[in-house]
């Protein structure tokens, strides 16, 4: 959150080495959630994707569904952040299948990921319903980061749907939400630059 991404990555790698040395593959795969937070705050969803793909493969091989459901949902979000919405579908489907009904984080994750895909496909009503459900699921928890992410996901769905006036306020999520919002805006600007037609001068 302080913008010290390189230091955060170094600490993550050191912690991961310790966990690997202890022979704890499930814990090591579970740590991919922290890498997701680091890279999404740094505006690098590609790096988050790499870490999460490896984690999901490990967890699937070990039959660990609890961690898998959450990490697959995070991977879906990392893919959506790169504009690869269709590729995100099988991963949030894993989250739906493997996640427990009383796991609020997982239930919010798959709804907001699916909402982004639906919004991009033009199914605005269903996308908004799911995104707002995700916000409501985590609203009563004290997970400020998760609540912030849910609000930002709703804002992204509104942006994809072209309804910017209904974007939720950001104050509730504090500095985490503000920083993630900046990252989202940077990615949106990059996407606009990629889509902007080339112009020539005579």
N, C-alpha and C. Protein backbone atom coordinates (compact mmCIF):
# COMPACT_ATOMS: atom_id res chain seq x y z
N UNK A 1 0.82 -1.20 0.00
CA UNK A 1 0.00 0.00 0.00
C UNK A 1 0.86 1.26 0.00
N UNK A 2 2.08 1.12 0.47
CA UNK A 2 2.99 2.27 0.53
C UNK A 2 3.74 2.46 -0.78
N UNK A 3 3.47 1.61 -1.75
CA UNK A 3 4.15 1.72 -3.03
C UNK A 3 5.51 1.05 -3.08
N UNK A 4 5.86 0.27 -2.05
CA UNK A 4 7.17 -0.39 -2.00
C UNK A 4 7.02 -1.83 -2.51
N UNK A 5 6.69 -1.94 -3.78
CA UNK A 5 6.38 -3.25 -4.37
C UNK A 5 7.59 -4.17 -4.39
N UNK A 6 8.76 -3.63 -4.71
CA UNK A 6 9.96 -4.47 -4.78
C UNK A 6 10.28 -5.10 -3.43
N UNK A 7 10.15 -4.31 -2.38
CA UNK A 7 10.41 -4.82 -1.04
C UNK A 7 9.38 -5.88 -0.66
N UNK A 8 8.13 -5.63 -1.04
CA UNK A 8 7.07 -6.60 -0.74
C UNK A 8 7.33 -7.93 -1.45
N UNK A 9 7.75 -7.86 -2.71
CA UNK A 9 8.05 -9.08 -3.46
C UNK A 9 9.22 -9.84 -2.82
N UNK A 10 10.24 -9.11 -2.42
CA UNK A 10 11.40 -9.75 -1.80
C UNK A 10 11.00 -10.47 -0.52
N UNK A 11 10.20 -9.83 0.31
CA UNK A 11 9.74 -10.46 1.55
C UNK A 11 8.88 -11.69 1.26
N UNK A 12 8.04 -11.58 0.23
CA UNK A 12 7.20 -12.72 -0.14
C UNK A 12 8.06 -13.90 -0.55
N UNK A 13 9.05 -13.66 -1.40
CA UNK A 13 9.91 -14.75 -1.87
C UNK A 13 10.68 -15.39 -0.72
N UNK A 14 11.15 -14.59 0.22
CA UNK A 14 11.87 -15.13 1.38
C UNK A 14 10.94 -16.01 2.22
N UNK A 15 9.72 -15.54 2.43
CA UNK A 15 8.75 -16.33 3.19
C UNK A 15 8.41 -17.63 2.47
N UNK A 16 8.26 -17.54 1.15
CA UNK A 16 7.93 -18.73 0.35
C UNK A 16 9.05 -19.76 0.43
N UNK A 17 10.29 -19.30 0.41
CA UNK A 17 11.42 -20.22 0.52
C UNK A 17 11.41 -20.96 1.86
N UNK A 18 11.08 -20.25 2.92
CA UNK A 18 11.02 -20.87 4.24
C UNK A 18 9.93 -21.94 4.28
N UNK A 19 8.76 -21.60 3.72
CA UNK A 19 7.65 -22.56 3.70
C UNK A 19 8.01 -23.78 2.87
N UNK A 20 8.66 -23.56 1.72
CA UNK A 20 9.07 -24.68 0.87
C UNK A 20 10.07 -25.57 1.59
N UNK A 21 11.01 -24.95 2.31
CA UNK A 21 12.02 -25.71 3.05
C UNK A 21 11.38 -26.57 4.13
N UNK A 22 10.27 -26.11 4.66
CA UNK A 22 9.56 -26.86 5.71
C UNK A 22 8.70 -27.98 5.12
N UNK A 23 8.61 -28.02 3.79
CA UNK A 23 7.83 -29.07 3.15
C UNK A 23 6.34 -28.93 3.36
N UNK A 24 5.83 -27.71 3.19
CA UNK A 24 4.40 -27.45 3.39
C UNK A 24 3.78 -26.94 2.09
N UNK A 25 3.51 -27.84 1.14
CA UNK A 25 3.03 -27.41 -0.18
C UNK A 25 1.67 -26.70 -0.16
N UNK A 26 0.78 -27.12 0.73
CA UNK A 26 -0.53 -26.47 0.77
C UNK A 26 -0.41 -25.04 1.29
N UNK A 27 0.42 -24.86 2.32
CA UNK A 27 0.65 -23.52 2.85
C UNK A 27 1.34 -22.64 1.81
N UNK A 28 2.29 -23.22 1.08
CA UNK A 28 3.00 -22.48 0.04
C UNK A 28 2.04 -22.03 -1.05
N UNK A 29 1.15 -22.94 -1.46
CA UNK A 29 0.16 -22.58 -2.48
C UNK A 29 -0.82 -21.55 -1.95
N UNK A 30 -1.17 -21.67 -0.67
CA UNK A 30 -2.09 -20.72 -0.07
C UNK A 30 -1.53 -19.32 -0.03
N UNK A 31 -0.21 -19.20 0.06
CA UNK A 31 0.43 -17.88 0.11
C UNK A 31 0.27 -17.10 -1.19
N UNK A 32 -0.20 -17.77 -2.24
CA UNK A 32 -0.41 -17.06 -3.51
C UNK A 32 -1.43 -15.93 -3.37
N UNK A 33 -2.29 -16.00 -2.35
CA UNK A 33 -3.25 -14.93 -2.13
C UNK A 33 -2.52 -13.63 -1.77
N UNK A 34 -1.46 -13.74 -0.97
CA UNK A 34 -0.68 -12.55 -0.63
C UNK A 34 0.04 -12.00 -1.85
N UNK A 35 0.52 -12.90 -2.72
CA UNK A 35 1.18 -12.44 -3.95
C UNK A 35 0.17 -11.73 -4.84
N UNK A 36 -1.05 -12.23 -4.88
CA UNK A 36 -2.11 -11.56 -5.64
C UNK A 36 -2.30 -10.13 -5.15
N UNK A 37 -2.38 -9.96 -3.84
CA UNK A 37 -2.55 -8.62 -3.28
C UNK A 37 -1.39 -7.71 -3.67
N UNK A 38 -0.18 -8.23 -3.57
CA UNK A 38 1.01 -7.43 -3.89
C UNK A 38 0.97 -6.98 -5.35
N UNK A 39 0.73 -7.93 -6.24
CA UNK A 39 0.81 -7.62 -7.67
C UNK A 39 -0.36 -6.77 -8.16
N UNK A 40 -1.54 -6.99 -7.61
CA UNK A 40 -2.68 -6.17 -8.03
C UNK A 40 -2.51 -4.74 -7.54
N UNK A 41 -1.96 -4.56 -6.35
CA UNK A 41 -1.67 -3.21 -5.87
C UNK A 41 -0.57 -2.55 -6.72
N UNK A 42 0.34 -3.37 -7.24
CA UNK A 42 1.43 -2.86 -8.07
C UNK A 42 1.00 -2.68 -9.52
N UNK A 43 -0.23 -3.10 -9.85
CA UNK A 43 -0.71 -2.98 -11.22
C UNK A 43 -0.13 -4.00 -12.17
N UNK A 44 0.20 -5.20 -11.64
CA UNK A 44 0.80 -6.25 -12.46
C UNK A 44 0.00 -7.54 -12.35
N UNK A 45 -1.19 -7.60 -12.96
CA UNK A 45 -2.00 -8.81 -12.86
C UNK A 45 -1.37 -10.02 -13.54
N UNK A 46 -0.47 -9.77 -14.50
CA UNK A 46 0.20 -10.88 -15.17
C UNK A 46 1.04 -11.69 -14.17
N UNK A 47 1.76 -10.99 -13.29
CA UNK A 47 2.56 -11.68 -12.28
C UNK A 47 1.66 -12.42 -11.30
N UNK A 48 0.53 -11.83 -10.95
CA UNK A 48 -0.43 -12.50 -10.06
C UNK A 48 -0.94 -13.77 -10.72
N UNK A 49 -1.20 -13.71 -12.01
CA UNK A 49 -1.69 -14.89 -12.74
C UNK A 49 -0.69 -16.04 -12.67
N UNK A 50 0.58 -15.75 -12.90
CA UNK A 50 1.61 -16.79 -12.89
C UNK A 50 1.64 -17.51 -11.54
N UNK A 51 1.64 -16.73 -10.47
CA UNK A 51 1.69 -17.32 -9.12
C UNK A 51 0.44 -18.16 -8.84
N UNK A 52 -0.71 -17.64 -9.22
CA UNK A 52 -1.97 -18.32 -8.91
C UNK A 52 -2.17 -19.59 -9.75
N UNK A 53 -1.72 -19.57 -10.99
CA UNK A 53 -1.84 -20.78 -11.81
C UNK A 53 -1.06 -21.93 -11.18
N UNK A 54 0.17 -21.65 -10.75
CA UNK A 54 0.96 -22.69 -10.11
C UNK A 54 0.31 -23.18 -8.84
N UNK A 55 -0.24 -22.26 -8.07
CA UNK A 55 -0.90 -22.63 -6.81
C UNK A 55 -2.13 -23.50 -7.06
N UNK A 56 -2.93 -23.11 -8.04
CA UNK A 56 -4.15 -23.89 -8.34
C UNK A 56 -3.80 -25.30 -8.81
N UNK A 57 -2.75 -25.43 -9.61
CA UNK A 57 -2.34 -26.76 -10.06
C UNK A 57 -1.92 -27.63 -8.88
N UNK A 58 -1.15 -27.04 -7.97
CA UNK A 58 -0.71 -27.78 -6.78
C UNK A 58 -1.89 -28.20 -5.92
N UNK A 59 -2.80 -27.27 -5.65
CA UNK A 59 -3.94 -27.55 -4.79
C UNK A 59 -4.87 -28.58 -5.41
N UNK A 60 -5.02 -28.53 -6.72
CA UNK A 60 -5.87 -29.51 -7.40
C UNK A 60 -5.26 -30.90 -7.29
N UNK A 61 -3.95 -30.98 -7.48
CA UNK A 61 -3.26 -32.28 -7.38
C UNK A 61 -3.37 -32.86 -5.98
N UNK A 62 -3.34 -31.99 -4.96
CA UNK A 62 -3.41 -32.43 -3.58
C UNK A 62 -4.83 -32.64 -3.08
N UNK A 63 -5.81 -32.23 -3.88
CA UNK A 63 -7.21 -32.40 -3.48
C UNK A 63 -7.66 -31.43 -2.41
N UNK A 64 -6.96 -30.29 -2.31
CA UNK A 64 -7.28 -29.28 -1.28
C UNK A 64 -8.28 -28.28 -1.87
N UNK A 65 -9.57 -28.48 -1.60
CA UNK A 65 -10.60 -27.65 -2.20
C UNK A 65 -10.81 -26.32 -1.50
N UNK A 66 -10.54 -26.27 -0.20
CA UNK A 66 -10.76 -25.03 0.54
C UNK A 66 -9.92 -23.89 0.01
N UNK A 67 -8.61 -24.09 -0.10
CA UNK A 67 -7.73 -23.07 -0.66
C UNK A 67 -7.95 -22.90 -2.16
N UNK A 68 -8.23 -24.01 -2.85
CA UNK A 68 -8.39 -23.95 -4.30
C UNK A 68 -9.54 -23.03 -4.70
N UNK A 69 -10.65 -23.10 -3.97
CA UNK A 69 -11.82 -22.30 -4.35
C UNK A 69 -11.49 -20.81 -4.35
N UNK A 70 -10.75 -20.37 -3.35
CA UNK A 70 -10.41 -18.95 -3.26
C UNK A 70 -9.37 -18.56 -4.29
N UNK A 71 -8.33 -19.39 -4.43
CA UNK A 71 -7.25 -19.04 -5.37
C UNK A 71 -7.73 -19.08 -6.81
N UNK A 72 -8.64 -19.98 -7.15
CA UNK A 72 -9.20 -20.00 -8.50
C UNK A 72 -10.01 -18.74 -8.76
N UNK A 73 -10.74 -18.27 -7.74
CA UNK A 73 -11.49 -17.02 -7.89
C UNK A 73 -10.57 -15.84 -8.09
N UNK A 74 -9.46 -15.80 -7.35
CA UNK A 74 -8.49 -14.72 -7.52
C UNK A 74 -7.87 -14.77 -8.91
N UNK A 75 -7.60 -15.98 -9.40
CA UNK A 75 -7.05 -16.12 -10.75
C UNK A 75 -8.02 -15.60 -11.79
N UNK A 76 -9.30 -15.85 -11.60
CA UNK A 76 -10.32 -15.30 -12.51
C UNK A 76 -10.25 -13.78 -12.55
N UNK A 77 -10.07 -13.18 -11.38
CA UNK A 77 -9.98 -11.71 -11.32
C UNK A 77 -8.70 -11.20 -11.98
N UNK A 78 -7.60 -11.93 -11.81
CA UNK A 78 -6.34 -11.52 -12.45
C UNK A 78 -6.47 -11.56 -13.97
N UNK A 79 -7.19 -12.55 -14.48
CA UNK A 79 -7.41 -12.65 -15.93
C UNK A 79 -8.34 -11.53 -16.42
N UNK A 80 -9.38 -11.24 -15.65
CA UNK A 80 -10.27 -10.14 -16.03
C UNK A 80 -9.51 -8.81 -16.07
N UNK A 81 -8.58 -8.64 -15.15
CA UNK A 81 -7.80 -7.40 -15.11
C UNK A 81 -6.95 -7.23 -16.35
N UNK A 82 -6.70 -8.33 -17.05
CA UNK A 82 -5.93 -8.26 -18.30
C UNK A 82 -6.84 -8.21 -19.53
N UNK A 83 -8.16 -8.13 -19.29
CA UNK A 83 -9.10 -8.12 -20.40
C UNK A 83 -9.36 -9.49 -20.99
N UNK A 84 -8.95 -10.56 -20.31
CA UNK A 84 -9.11 -11.93 -20.82
C UNK A 84 -10.31 -12.58 -20.12
N UNK A 85 -11.48 -12.02 -20.41
CA UNK A 85 -12.69 -12.40 -19.67
C UNK A 85 -13.10 -13.85 -19.91
N UNK A 86 -13.05 -14.29 -21.16
CA UNK A 86 -13.48 -15.65 -21.45
C UNK A 86 -12.60 -16.68 -20.75
N UNK A 87 -11.31 -16.38 -20.63
CA UNK A 87 -10.40 -17.30 -19.96
C UNK A 87 -10.69 -17.39 -18.46
N UNK A 88 -11.34 -16.38 -17.93
CA UNK A 88 -11.64 -16.36 -16.50
C UNK A 88 -12.78 -17.32 -16.13
N UNK A 89 -13.63 -17.64 -17.09
CA UNK A 89 -14.84 -18.42 -16.81
C UNK A 89 -14.56 -19.75 -16.11
N UNK A 90 -13.68 -20.62 -16.65
CA UNK A 90 -13.49 -21.92 -15.97
C UNK A 90 -12.96 -21.81 -14.55
N UNK A 91 -12.28 -20.71 -14.25
CA UNK A 91 -11.72 -20.57 -12.90
C UNK A 91 -12.78 -20.13 -11.88
N UNK A 92 -13.67 -19.20 -12.27
CA UNK A 92 -14.71 -18.89 -11.29
C UNK A 92 -15.72 -20.03 -11.19
N UNK A 93 -15.79 -20.87 -12.23
CA UNK A 93 -16.64 -22.06 -12.13
C UNK A 93 -16.07 -23.05 -11.11
N UNK A 94 -14.73 -23.16 -11.05
CA UNK A 94 -14.09 -23.98 -10.03
C UNK A 94 -14.44 -23.44 -8.64
N UNK A 95 -14.44 -22.11 -8.51
CA UNK A 95 -14.77 -21.48 -7.24
C UNK A 95 -16.19 -21.82 -6.81
N UNK A 96 -17.11 -21.80 -7.76
CA UNK A 96 -18.51 -22.14 -7.46
C UNK A 96 -18.61 -23.59 -6.99
N UNK A 97 -17.93 -24.48 -7.70
CA UNK A 97 -18.04 -25.92 -7.41
C UNK A 97 -17.33 -26.31 -6.11
N UNK A 98 -16.15 -25.70 -5.88
CA UNK A 98 -15.34 -26.12 -4.73
C UNK A 98 -15.62 -25.32 -3.47
N UNK A 99 -16.20 -24.14 -3.61
CA UNK A 99 -16.39 -23.26 -2.46
C UNK A 99 -17.52 -23.67 -1.55
N UNK A 100 -17.33 -23.41 -0.27
CA UNK A 100 -18.37 -23.68 0.71
C UNK A 100 -19.39 -22.55 0.71
N UNK A 101 -20.64 -22.90 0.98
CA UNK A 101 -21.71 -21.91 0.99
C UNK A 101 -21.50 -20.85 2.06
N UNK A 102 -20.84 -21.21 3.16
CA UNK A 102 -20.66 -20.25 4.24
C UNK A 102 -19.30 -19.53 4.17
N UNK A 103 -18.57 -19.73 3.08
CA UNK A 103 -17.30 -19.03 2.87
C UNK A 103 -17.61 -17.71 2.17
N UNK A 104 -17.72 -16.65 2.96
CA UNK A 104 -18.15 -15.36 2.41
C UNK A 104 -17.20 -14.82 1.36
N UNK A 105 -15.90 -14.97 1.60
CA UNK A 105 -14.92 -14.46 0.65
C UNK A 105 -15.05 -15.14 -0.70
N UNK A 106 -15.15 -16.47 -0.67
CA UNK A 106 -15.28 -17.23 -1.91
C UNK A 106 -16.58 -16.92 -2.62
N UNK A 107 -17.67 -16.83 -1.88
CA UNK A 107 -18.97 -16.52 -2.49
C UNK A 107 -18.97 -15.15 -3.16
N UNK A 108 -18.28 -14.18 -2.54
CA UNK A 108 -18.18 -12.85 -3.15
C UNK A 108 -17.28 -12.87 -4.37
N UNK A 109 -16.18 -13.63 -4.29
CA UNK A 109 -15.21 -13.68 -5.38
C UNK A 109 -15.83 -14.16 -6.69
N UNK A 110 -16.55 -15.29 -6.64
CA UNK A 110 -17.06 -15.81 -7.90
C UNK A 110 -18.16 -14.92 -8.46
N UNK A 111 -18.95 -14.30 -7.59
CA UNK A 111 -20.00 -13.42 -8.08
C UNK A 111 -19.42 -12.20 -8.79
N UNK A 112 -18.42 -11.59 -8.19
CA UNK A 112 -17.85 -10.39 -8.80
C UNK A 112 -17.08 -10.72 -10.08
N UNK A 113 -16.41 -11.88 -10.11
CA UNK A 113 -15.70 -12.28 -11.33
C UNK A 113 -16.70 -12.56 -12.46
N UNK A 114 -17.75 -13.29 -12.13
CA UNK A 114 -18.76 -13.58 -13.16
C UNK A 114 -19.45 -12.29 -13.60
N UNK A 115 -19.63 -11.37 -12.68
CA UNK A 115 -20.26 -10.09 -13.03
C UNK A 115 -19.45 -9.34 -14.07
N UNK A 116 -18.13 -9.35 -13.92
CA UNK A 116 -17.29 -8.66 -14.90
C UNK A 116 -17.41 -9.29 -16.29
N UNK A 117 -17.42 -10.62 -16.32
CA UNK A 117 -17.55 -11.32 -17.60
C UNK A 117 -18.89 -11.00 -18.24
N UNK A 118 -19.96 -11.05 -17.46
CA UNK A 118 -21.29 -10.77 -18.00
C UNK A 118 -21.42 -9.32 -18.48
N UNK A 119 -20.84 -8.39 -17.73
CA UNK A 119 -20.88 -6.99 -18.14
C UNK A 119 -20.16 -6.79 -19.46
N UNK A 120 -19.03 -7.47 -19.60
CA UNK A 120 -18.27 -7.35 -20.85
C UNK A 120 -19.04 -7.96 -22.02
N UNK A 121 -19.88 -8.97 -21.71
CA UNK A 121 -20.69 -9.62 -22.75
C UNK A 121 -21.98 -8.87 -23.03
N UNK A 122 -22.30 -7.86 -22.21
CA UNK A 122 -23.49 -7.06 -22.43
C UNK A 122 -24.68 -7.43 -21.58
N UNK A 123 -24.55 -8.42 -20.69
CA UNK A 123 -25.65 -8.81 -19.81
C UNK A 123 -25.59 -7.94 -18.55
N UNK A 124 -25.98 -6.70 -18.68
CA UNK A 124 -25.78 -5.71 -17.63
C UNK A 124 -26.59 -6.01 -16.38
N UNK A 125 -27.86 -6.36 -16.54
CA UNK A 125 -28.73 -6.57 -15.38
C UNK A 125 -28.21 -7.67 -14.47
N UNK A 126 -27.85 -8.82 -15.06
CA UNK A 126 -27.35 -9.93 -14.26
C UNK A 126 -25.98 -9.59 -13.66
N UNK A 127 -25.17 -8.87 -14.42
CA UNK A 127 -23.85 -8.48 -13.93
C UNK A 127 -23.98 -7.58 -12.69
N UNK A 128 -24.86 -6.61 -12.75
CA UNK A 128 -25.06 -5.71 -11.62
C UNK A 128 -25.65 -6.45 -10.42
N UNK A 129 -26.55 -7.37 -10.68
CA UNK A 129 -27.14 -8.13 -9.57
C UNK A 129 -26.05 -8.90 -8.82
N UNK A 130 -25.19 -9.59 -9.56
CA UNK A 130 -24.14 -10.38 -8.94
C UNK A 130 -23.10 -9.50 -8.23
N UNK A 131 -22.72 -8.40 -8.86
CA UNK A 131 -21.73 -7.51 -8.24
C UNK A 131 -22.26 -6.92 -6.95
N UNK A 132 -23.54 -6.56 -6.93
CA UNK A 132 -24.13 -6.00 -5.71
C UNK A 132 -24.31 -7.08 -4.63
N UNK A 133 -24.58 -8.30 -5.05
CA UNK A 133 -24.64 -9.41 -4.09
C UNK A 133 -23.28 -9.60 -3.42
N UNK A 134 -22.21 -9.51 -4.22
CA UNK A 134 -20.86 -9.67 -3.67
C UNK A 134 -20.57 -8.60 -2.62
N UNK A 135 -20.94 -7.36 -2.92
CA UNK A 135 -20.76 -6.28 -1.96
C UNK A 135 -21.53 -6.55 -0.68
N UNK A 136 -22.76 -7.00 -0.82
CA UNK A 136 -23.61 -7.25 0.35
C UNK A 136 -23.07 -8.40 1.20
N UNK A 137 -22.52 -9.43 0.57
CA UNK A 137 -22.02 -10.60 1.29
C UNK A 137 -20.91 -10.22 2.26
N UNK A 138 -20.01 -9.34 1.83
CA UNK A 138 -18.85 -9.00 2.67
C UNK A 138 -19.04 -7.69 3.44
N UNK A 139 -20.15 -7.02 3.22
CA UNK A 139 -20.35 -5.70 3.84
C UNK A 139 -20.36 -5.75 5.37
N UNK A 140 -20.82 -6.85 5.94
CA UNK A 140 -20.93 -6.94 7.39
C UNK A 140 -19.69 -7.54 8.05
N UNK A 141 -18.68 -7.85 7.25
CA UNK A 141 -17.44 -8.38 7.81
C UNK A 141 -16.49 -7.24 8.16
N UNK A 142 -15.39 -7.58 8.82
CA UNK A 142 -14.37 -6.56 9.11
C UNK A 142 -13.17 -6.72 8.17
N UNK A 143 -13.39 -7.36 7.04
CA UNK A 143 -12.32 -7.56 6.05
C UNK A 143 -12.27 -6.33 5.13
N UNK A 144 -11.55 -5.32 5.54
CA UNK A 144 -11.56 -4.07 4.79
C UNK A 144 -11.04 -4.25 3.37
N UNK A 145 -10.00 -5.06 3.21
CA UNK A 145 -9.47 -5.28 1.86
C UNK A 145 -10.51 -5.95 0.96
N UNK A 146 -11.16 -6.97 1.51
CA UNK A 146 -12.16 -7.70 0.72
C UNK A 146 -13.35 -6.81 0.39
N UNK A 147 -13.78 -6.02 1.37
CA UNK A 147 -14.88 -5.09 1.12
C UNK A 147 -14.49 -4.05 0.07
N UNK A 148 -13.25 -3.58 0.16
CA UNK A 148 -12.78 -2.63 -0.83
C UNK A 148 -12.74 -3.22 -2.22
N UNK A 149 -12.26 -4.46 -2.31
CA UNK A 149 -12.23 -5.12 -3.62
C UNK A 149 -13.63 -5.29 -4.20
N UNK A 150 -14.58 -5.67 -3.36
CA UNK A 150 -15.96 -5.87 -3.84
C UNK A 150 -16.54 -4.57 -4.38
N UNK A 151 -16.27 -3.47 -3.70
CA UNK A 151 -16.75 -2.17 -4.18
C UNK A 151 -16.08 -1.77 -5.49
N UNK A 152 -14.78 -2.04 -5.58
CA UNK A 152 -14.07 -1.72 -6.82
C UNK A 152 -14.55 -2.61 -7.97
N UNK A 153 -14.85 -3.86 -7.66
CA UNK A 153 -15.38 -4.75 -8.69
C UNK A 153 -16.74 -4.24 -9.19
N UNK A 154 -17.57 -3.77 -8.27
CA UNK A 154 -18.85 -3.18 -8.67
C UNK A 154 -18.62 -1.95 -9.55
N UNK A 155 -17.66 -1.13 -9.17
CA UNK A 155 -17.35 0.05 -9.97
C UNK A 155 -16.88 -0.34 -11.37
N UNK A 156 -16.08 -1.41 -11.44
CA UNK A 156 -15.60 -1.87 -12.74
C UNK A 156 -16.74 -2.39 -13.60
N UNK A 157 -17.69 -3.10 -12.98
CA UNK A 157 -18.86 -3.58 -13.72
C UNK A 157 -19.67 -2.41 -14.25
N UNK A 158 -19.85 -1.38 -13.41
CA UNK A 158 -20.58 -0.19 -13.84
C UNK A 158 -19.85 0.49 -14.99
N UNK A 159 -18.52 0.50 -14.93
CA UNK A 159 -17.74 1.10 -16.02
C UNK A 159 -17.90 0.30 -17.31
N UNK A 160 -17.82 -1.03 -17.19
CA UNK A 160 -17.99 -1.87 -18.38
C UNK A 160 -19.39 -1.71 -18.96
N UNK A 161 -20.37 -1.48 -18.07
CA UNK A 161 -21.76 -1.31 -18.52
C UNK A 161 -22.05 0.11 -18.99
N UNK A 162 -21.09 1.02 -18.81
CA UNK A 162 -21.30 2.41 -19.22
C UNK A 162 -22.20 3.19 -18.29
N UNK A 163 -22.22 2.81 -16.98
CA UNK A 163 -23.08 3.49 -16.01
C UNK A 163 -22.18 4.08 -14.92
N UNK A 164 -21.32 4.98 -15.29
CA UNK A 164 -20.32 5.50 -14.36
C UNK A 164 -20.93 6.32 -13.23
N UNK A 165 -22.10 6.91 -13.45
CA UNK A 165 -22.71 7.77 -12.43
C UNK A 165 -23.08 7.00 -11.17
N UNK A 166 -23.23 5.67 -11.26
CA UNK A 166 -23.65 4.87 -10.12
C UNK A 166 -22.47 4.24 -9.39
N UNK A 167 -21.25 4.64 -9.71
CA UNK A 167 -20.08 4.05 -9.07
C UNK A 167 -20.13 4.27 -7.56
N UNK A 168 -19.77 3.25 -6.76
CA UNK A 168 -19.87 3.37 -5.29
C UNK A 168 -18.80 4.29 -4.74
N UNK A 169 -19.03 4.87 -3.56
CA UNK A 169 -18.01 5.71 -2.92
C UNK A 169 -16.81 4.88 -2.51
N UNK A 170 -15.62 5.51 -2.41
CA UNK A 170 -14.42 4.77 -2.09
C UNK A 170 -13.96 4.96 -0.66
N UNK A 171 -14.56 5.88 0.09
CA UNK A 171 -14.07 6.19 1.43
C UNK A 171 -14.13 4.98 2.35
N UNK A 172 -15.12 4.12 2.17
CA UNK A 172 -15.34 3.01 3.09
C UNK A 172 -14.15 2.06 3.12
N UNK A 173 -13.44 1.91 2.00
CA UNK A 173 -12.34 0.97 1.96
C UNK A 173 -11.02 1.56 2.39
N UNK A 174 -10.95 2.85 2.66
CA UNK A 174 -9.72 3.47 3.16
C UNK A 174 -8.61 3.46 2.13
N UNK A 175 -7.35 3.48 2.61
CA UNK A 175 -6.21 3.60 1.72
C UNK A 175 -6.06 2.44 0.76
N UNK A 176 -6.43 1.22 1.18
CA UNK A 176 -6.33 0.08 0.27
C UNK A 176 -7.21 0.29 -0.95
N UNK A 177 -8.44 0.70 -0.72
CA UNK A 177 -9.37 0.92 -1.81
C UNK A 177 -8.89 2.04 -2.72
N UNK A 178 -8.37 3.10 -2.12
CA UNK A 178 -7.87 4.21 -2.93
C UNK A 178 -6.72 3.76 -3.82
N UNK A 179 -5.78 2.99 -3.25
CA UNK A 179 -4.64 2.53 -4.03
C UNK A 179 -5.07 1.58 -5.14
N UNK A 180 -5.98 0.63 -4.81
CA UNK A 180 -6.47 -0.29 -5.84
C UNK A 180 -7.22 0.46 -6.90
N UNK A 181 -7.92 1.54 -6.53
CA UNK A 181 -8.62 2.35 -7.51
C UNK A 181 -7.65 3.00 -8.48
N UNK A 182 -6.52 3.46 -7.96
CA UNK A 182 -5.51 4.05 -8.84
C UNK A 182 -5.00 3.01 -9.84
N UNK A 183 -4.78 1.79 -9.37
CA UNK A 183 -4.31 0.73 -10.25
C UNK A 183 -5.34 0.42 -11.34
N UNK A 184 -6.61 0.39 -10.95
CA UNK A 184 -7.67 0.15 -11.92
C UNK A 184 -7.71 1.26 -12.97
N UNK A 185 -7.55 2.49 -12.51
CA UNK A 185 -7.57 3.60 -13.47
C UNK A 185 -6.39 3.53 -14.43
N UNK A 186 -5.22 3.12 -13.89
CA UNK A 186 -4.06 2.99 -14.77
C UNK A 186 -4.30 1.92 -15.82
N UNK A 187 -4.89 0.77 -15.40
CA UNK A 187 -5.16 -0.28 -16.37
C UNK A 187 -6.19 0.16 -17.39
N UNK A 188 -7.20 0.91 -16.94
CA UNK A 188 -8.22 1.42 -17.87
C UNK A 188 -7.59 2.35 -18.90
N UNK A 189 -6.67 3.19 -18.44
CA UNK A 189 -6.00 4.11 -19.36
C UNK A 189 -5.17 3.34 -20.38
N UNK A 190 -4.49 2.28 -19.91
CA UNK A 190 -3.69 1.48 -20.84
C UNK A 190 -4.58 0.81 -21.86
N UNK A 191 -5.75 0.31 -21.42
CA UNK A 191 -6.65 -0.34 -22.37
C UNK A 191 -7.16 0.66 -23.40
N UNK A 192 -7.46 1.89 -22.93
CA UNK A 192 -7.91 2.92 -23.87
C UNK A 192 -6.83 3.24 -24.88
N UNK A 193 -5.58 3.29 -24.41
CA UNK A 193 -4.47 3.56 -25.32
C UNK A 193 -4.34 2.46 -26.36
N UNK A 194 -4.53 1.21 -25.91
CA UNK A 194 -4.43 0.09 -26.84
C UNK A 194 -5.52 0.11 -27.90
N UNK A 195 -6.70 0.60 -27.49
CA UNK A 195 -7.84 0.61 -28.40
C UNK A 195 -7.90 1.86 -29.27
N UNK A 196 -7.15 2.91 -28.89
CA UNK A 196 -7.21 4.15 -29.63
C UNK A 196 -6.63 3.95 -31.03
N UNK A 197 -7.37 4.35 -32.11
CA UNK A 197 -6.86 4.15 -33.46
C UNK A 197 -5.64 5.02 -33.72
N UNK A 198 -4.75 4.48 -34.55
CA UNK A 198 -3.56 5.24 -34.91
C UNK A 198 -3.95 6.36 -35.86
N UNK A 199 -3.35 7.52 -35.65
CA UNK A 199 -3.62 8.65 -36.53
C UNK A 199 -2.35 9.03 -37.25
N UNK A 200 -2.49 9.54 -38.43
CA UNK A 200 -1.34 9.97 -39.23
C UNK A 200 -1.47 11.43 -39.54
N UNK A 201 -0.36 12.06 -39.71
CA UNK A 201 -0.36 13.48 -40.06
C UNK A 201 0.15 13.64 -41.47
N UNK A 202 -0.44 14.56 -42.19
CA UNK A 202 -0.02 14.81 -43.57
C UNK A 202 1.23 15.69 -43.58
